[in-house]
Amino acid sequence: MLLKDMQVGQTCVVEEIHLPFETERRLESLGMTMGTPISVINRKGKGILIIKLRGTRFALGYNITSNIKVR
């Protein structure tokens, strides 16, 4: 399943990230690594999510959420 398909209130775990090298490294430096739990706090339109990751809230756009595989 992709992160963009998650609903508000659901929690998932990161399996794979398929983004450009710089974007992937930036997310890793913010704490999004394989096996990290993510909670979906809010949805804003098509695939735009506000997530909680290691105690911090982030807003991620459709291009990012559609390239992160979760379980």
Protein backbone atom coordinates (compact mmCIF):
# COMPACT_ATOMS: atom_id res chain seq x y z
CA MET A 1 0.00 0.00 0.00
CA LEU A 2 1.16 3.55 -0.62
CA LEU A 3 1.23 6.28 2.01
CA LYS A 4 -1.20 8.38 -0.08
CA ASP A 5 -3.88 5.69 0.41
CA MET A 6 -3.86 5.86 4.22
CA GLN A 7 -6.82 7.34 6.08
CA VAL A 8 -6.90 9.74 9.02
CA GLY A 9 -6.19 7.94 12.29
CA GLN A 10 -4.37 5.01 10.72
CA THR A 11 -0.82 4.03 11.65
CA CYS A 12 1.55 2.33 9.25
CA VAL A 13 5.22 1.35 8.97
CA VAL A 14 7.57 2.50 6.19
CA GLU A 15 8.72 -0.35 3.90
CA GLU A 16 10.26 1.37 0.86
CA ILE A 17 10.96 4.91 -0.35
CA HIS A 18 11.31 5.54 -4.09
CA LEU A 19 12.20 9.22 -4.42
CA PRO A 20 15.06 11.22 -5.94
CA PHE A 21 18.28 10.80 -3.97
CA GLU A 22 18.22 14.28 -2.36
CA THR A 23 14.58 14.01 -1.26
CA GLU A 24 15.09 10.52 0.13
CA ARG A 25 18.14 11.62 2.13
CA ARG A 26 16.26 14.65 3.47
CA LEU A 27 13.41 12.43 4.72
CA GLU A 28 15.93 10.08 6.30
CA SER A 29 17.59 12.99 8.11
CA LEU A 30 14.15 13.97 9.46
CA GLY A 31 13.72 10.44 10.83
CA MET A 32 11.77 8.61 8.10
CA THR A 33 13.70 5.36 7.74
CA MET A 34 12.64 1.80 6.98
CA GLY A 35 10.54 0.37 9.81
CA THR A 36 9.53 3.76 11.22
CA PRO A 37 5.88 4.02 12.35
CA ILE A 38 3.86 6.90 10.86
CA SER A 39 0.45 8.17 12.02
CA VAL A 40 -1.83 10.04 9.63
CA ILE A 41 -3.23 13.12 11.36
CA ASN A 42 -5.07 14.85 8.51
CA ARG A 43 -5.70 14.71 4.77
CA LYS A 44 -5.76 17.78 2.56
CA GLY A 45 -7.05 16.95 -0.90
CA LYS A 46 -5.53 14.43 -3.28
CA GLY A 47 -2.74 12.60 -1.47
CA ILE A 48 -1.58 15.55 0.62
CA LEU A 49 -1.11 14.32 4.19
CA ILE A 50 -0.18 15.68 7.56
CA ILE A 51 1.66 12.90 9.37
CA LYS A 52 3.20 12.39 12.79
CA LEU A 53 6.69 10.97 12.60
CA ARG A 54 8.76 10.42 15.76
CA GLY A 55 6.77 13.04 17.67
CA THR A 56 6.89 15.73 14.96
CA ARG A 57 4.19 16.68 12.47
CA PHE A 58 5.03 16.99 8.77
CA ALA A 59 3.03 17.91 5.69
CA LEU A 60 3.87 15.81 2.64
CA GLY A 61 2.64 16.44 -0.90
CA TYR A 62 1.20 13.98 -3.40
CA ASN A 63 4.52 13.45 -5.23
CA ILE A 64 6.13 12.27 -2.00
CA THR A 65 3.24 10.25 -0.52
CA SER A 66 2.69 8.38 -3.79
CA ASN A 67 6.29 7.12 -3.71
CA ILE A 68 6.42 5.76 -0.16
CA LYS A 69 5.35 2.13 0.31
CA VAL A 70 3.91 1.25 3.74
CA ARG A 71 2.33 -1.71 5.51
